Protein backbone atom coordinates (compact mmCIF):
# COMPACT_ATOMS: atom_id res chain seq x y z
CA PHE A 1 7.07 19.27 1.37
CA GLU A 2 9.09 18.84 4.55
CA GLU A 3 7.76 22.18 5.86
CA TYR A 4 4.22 20.99 5.20
CA LEU A 5 4.91 17.72 6.99
CA ALA A 6 6.27 19.62 9.98
CA ARG A 7 2.96 21.50 10.29
CA VAL A 8 0.94 18.33 9.76
CA GLY A 9 3.01 16.59 12.42
CA SER A 10 2.50 19.22 15.08
CA LYS A 11 0.78 18.54 18.37
CA GLU A 12 -1.99 20.98 17.40
CA ALA A 13 -2.63 19.15 14.12
CA GLY A 14 -2.84 15.86 16.02
CA GLU A 15 -5.38 17.30 18.44
CA ILE A 16 -7.52 18.68 15.61
CA LEU A 17 -7.44 15.34 13.81
CA LEU A 18 -8.29 13.37 16.95
CA ASP A 19 -11.27 15.69 17.54
CA ARG A 20 -12.38 15.15 13.93
CA LEU A 21 -11.91 11.39 14.27
CA ALA A 22 -14.40 11.36 17.15
CA VAL A 23 -17.21 12.98 15.13
CA GLU A 24 -16.62 12.07 11.47
CA ARG A 25 -19.06 9.48 10.09
CA HIS A 26 -18.40 9.41 6.35
CA PRO A 27 -16.10 6.42 5.69
CA PHE A 28 -13.91 8.11 3.07
CA ALA A 29 -13.49 11.29 5.13
CA LEU A 30 -12.81 9.19 8.21
CA GLY A 31 -10.19 7.22 6.30
CA ASN A 32 -8.46 10.43 5.26
CA VAL A 33 -8.38 11.59 8.89
CA VAL A 34 -6.74 8.27 9.78
CA LEU A 35 -4.20 8.71 6.98
CA ALA A 36 -3.38 12.21 8.20
CA LEU A 37 -2.84 10.79 11.69
CA GLY A 38 -0.18 8.54 10.15
CA PHE A 39 1.72 11.66 9.08
CA VAL A 40 1.35 13.10 12.57
CA LEU A 41 2.74 9.90 14.07
CA ARG A 42 5.69 10.19 11.68
CA ASN A 43 6.72 13.43 13.41
CA ARG A 44 5.53 12.41 16.88
CA PRO A 45 6.42 8.69 17.19
CA ALA A 46 6.04 8.70 20.97
CA ASP A 47 2.47 10.06 20.86
CA GLU A 48 0.50 7.21 22.42
CA GLU A 49 -2.88 8.80 21.74
CA ILE A 50 -2.20 8.92 17.98
CA ARG A 51 -0.79 5.39 17.97
CA LYS A 52 -3.84 4.10 19.83
CA ALA A 53 -6.19 5.86 17.38
CA LEU A 54 -4.45 4.15 14.46
CA GLU A 55 -4.69 0.77 16.17
CA GLU A 56 -8.41 1.29 16.76
CA ALA A 57 -8.91 2.25 13.10
CA MET A 58 -7.41 -1.11 12.11
CA PHE A 59 -10.40 -2.83 13.66
CA ASN A 60 -13.20 -0.47 12.57
CA ARG A 61 -15.96 -3.03 12.02
CA ALA A 62 -18.30 -0.64 10.24
CA HIS A 63 -16.02 0.46 7.39
CA ALA A 64 -13.46 -1.53 5.43
CA GLU A 65 -12.31 1.76 3.88
CA VAL A 66 -11.14 2.98 7.28
CA ARG A 67 -9.20 -0.23 7.86
CA ALA A 68 -7.61 0.13 4.41
CA PHE A 69 -6.59 3.71 5.15
CA SER A 70 -5.13 2.57 8.46
CA ALA A 71 -2.71 0.30 6.57
CA LEU A 72 -1.54 3.27 4.53
CA ALA A 73 -1.37 5.45 7.67
CA TRP A 74 0.97 2.96 9.34
CA ALA A 75 3.12 2.90 6.20
CA VAL A 76 3.59 6.68 6.03
CA SER A 77 4.12 6.92 9.79
CA HIS A 78 7.57 5.29 9.60
CA HIS A 79 6.73 4.03 13.09
CA VAL A 80 8.88 1.21 14.42
CA SER A 81 5.83 -1.11 14.57
CA ARG A 82 4.51 -0.25 11.08
CA PHE A 83 5.44 -3.57 9.49
CA ASP A 84 3.75 -5.59 12.25
CA MET A 85 0.59 -3.48 12.10
CA ILE A 86 0.32 -3.70 8.32
CA GLY A 87 1.11 -7.41 8.48
CA THR A 88 -1.73 -7.89 10.96
CA LEU A 89 -4.19 -6.32 8.53
CA ALA A 90 -2.84 -8.36 5.62
CA ALA A 91 -3.14 -11.59 7.58
CA VAL A 92 -6.31 -11.09 9.62
CA ASP A 93 -8.70 -8.87 7.69
CA ARG A 94 -11.10 -10.79 5.45
CA ASP A 95 -11.96 -7.90 3.13
CA PRO A 96 -9.86 -8.08 -0.06
CA ARG A 97 -9.84 -4.28 -0.34
CA VAL A 98 -8.14 -4.01 3.04
CA ARG A 99 -5.67 -6.73 2.17
CA ALA A 100 -4.93 -5.00 -1.15
CA ALA A 101 -4.28 -1.70 0.66
CA ALA A 102 -2.05 -3.59 3.07
CA ALA A 103 -0.05 -4.95 0.12
CA LEU A 104 0.54 -1.45 -1.21
CA ALA A 105 1.34 -0.25 2.32
CA LEU A 106 4.01 -2.94 2.65
CA GLY A 107 5.83 -1.37 -0.28
CA ILE A 108 5.45 2.14 1.10
CA ALA A 109 6.64 0.99 4.54
CA ASN A 110 9.95 -0.04 2.98
CA HIS A 111 10.73 -2.59 5.69
CA GLU A 112 13.44 -5.21 5.20
CA SER A 113 10.80 -7.97 5.33
CA SER A 114 8.30 -6.25 3.01
CA ILE A 115 9.45 -8.20 -0.06
CA PHE A 116 8.61 -11.54 1.58
CA ALA A 117 5.13 -10.38 2.63
CA LEU A 118 4.53 -8.98 -0.87
CA ARG A 119 5.44 -12.34 -2.40
CA ARG A 120 2.68 -13.88 -0.28
CA ALA A 121 0.27 -11.26 -1.61
CA LEU A 122 1.16 -12.17 -5.20
CA ALA A 123 0.30 -15.80 -4.47
CA VAL A 124 -3.32 -15.04 -3.45
CA LYS A 125 -5.31 -16.67 -6.22
CA ALA A 126 -8.81 -15.87 -4.98
CA TYR A 127 -8.56 -12.07 -5.15
CA LYS A 128 -6.96 -10.38 -8.12
CA GLN A 129 -7.01 -7.03 -6.30
CA ILE A 130 -4.51 -8.33 -3.74
CA ARG A 131 -2.17 -9.52 -6.52
CA GLU A 132 -2.58 -6.21 -8.34
CA TYR A 133 -1.71 -4.09 -5.32
CA GLY A 134 1.03 -6.53 -4.37
CA CYS A 135 2.63 -5.67 -7.72
CA TYR A 136 2.24 -1.96 -7.02
CA GLY A 137 3.76 -2.50 -3.58
CA MET A 138 6.78 -4.13 -5.19
CA GLY A 139 7.13 -1.20 -7.57
CA VAL A 140 7.03 1.30 -4.71
CA LEU A 141 9.46 -0.81 -2.68
CA LYS A 142 11.94 -0.77 -5.59
CA ASP A 143 13.65 -3.97 -4.46
CA ASP A 144 15.59 -5.41 -7.41
CA SER A 145 14.88 -8.93 -6.16
CA ALA A 146 11.22 -8.39 -7.15
CA LEU A 147 12.12 -8.60 -10.84
CA GLY A 148 11.34 -12.31 -11.21
CA ASP A 149 8.10 -12.01 -9.22
CA LEU A 150 6.85 -9.18 -11.41
CA VAL A 151 7.86 -10.92 -14.64
CA GLU A 152 5.83 -13.93 -13.48
CA ARG A 153 2.78 -11.67 -12.88
CA LEU A 154 3.01 -10.56 -16.53
CA LYS A 155 1.47 -13.99 -17.23
CA ASP A 156 -1.44 -13.48 -14.79
CA THR A 157 -4.92 -14.20 -16.12
CA ASP A 158 -6.17 -10.79 -14.93
CA ILE A 159 -5.61 -7.67 -17.03
CA ASP A 160 -5.25 -5.34 -14.03
CA VAL A 161 -2.58 -7.55 -12.46
CA ARG A 162 -0.62 -7.63 -15.72
CA MET A 163 -0.83 -3.84 -16.03
CA ALA A 164 0.32 -3.40 -12.40
CA ALA A 165 3.24 -5.77 -12.99
CA SER A 166 4.22 -3.87 -16.12
CA ILE A 167 4.08 -0.48 -14.38
CA SER A 168 6.03 -1.81 -11.41
CA LEU A 169 8.72 -3.30 -13.61
CA GLY A 170 9.24 0.17 -15.04
CA ALA A 171 9.51 1.58 -11.52
CA LEU A 172 12.28 -0.86 -10.58
CA ARG A 173 14.74 0.62 -13.07
CA VAL A 174 16.69 -2.62 -13.13
CA PRO A 175 18.99 -2.90 -16.16
CA GLY A 176 17.16 -5.25 -18.50
CA GLY A 177 14.05 -5.15 -16.32
CA ASN A 178 11.91 -3.82 -19.12
CA GLY A 179 13.06 -6.62 -21.44
CA PRO A 180 10.25 -8.96 -20.33
CA VAL A 181 7.72 -6.17 -20.90
CA LYS A 182 8.40 -5.88 -24.65
CA PRO A 183 6.83 -9.24 -25.62
CA LEU A 184 3.86 -8.41 -23.42
CA ALA A 185 3.41 -5.06 -25.15
CA GLU A 186 3.47 -6.71 -28.54
CA SER A 187 1.34 -9.77 -27.84
CA ASP A 188 -1.11 -9.19 -24.97
CA ALA A 189 -4.77 -9.58 -25.90
CA SER A 190 -5.69 -6.42 -24.00
CA THR A 191 -5.10 -3.05 -25.67
CA ASP A 192 -4.90 -1.51 -22.18
CA VAL A 193 -2.08 -3.83 -21.17
CA ARG A 194 -0.26 -3.24 -24.47
CA ARG A 195 -0.56 0.52 -24.04
CA VAL A 196 0.73 0.49 -20.41
CA ALA A 197 3.56 -1.92 -21.25
CA SER A 198 4.76 0.23 -24.14
CA ILE A 199 5.23 3.36 -21.99
């Protein structure tokens, strides 16, 4: 994997991706180019052209998908400003899909302040997708202090949020962390939630 990342992070790979970024029109393909640029920035943190391209992707007015991918690109970049960039998307973007991607990206970014931003994501009542991906972000972050937050999300009114909380509790690997999942597995109204919680 590291060998692959070294090739992806080369100057030549960055140039190819920047050329593709200029001509690609399909939102999903464009988002993947942006994500790949995040890996390039990981190996070339001083590359201003790549950094600028990621910043511009954050404000792509035409495609929310591209903005969502930019959150993930910043997360995988390990760039010193990743937390601030992801936080900007989480706070400013109005599209719940982008904010949900930002929540997941906060976990991937593994910044010391990620847990606090993820707690804000779990408190968003209007969009279940943000709470759901906030739970996934906590699972990826693997911060033991998220245990209580995830247990609380097991009581969420939305099935997808409860499943995400259950999966993320399993990812924490905290002694006793799966204890709160057992009653959920046995009593939740949703067969999907019961099945995920019992794994």
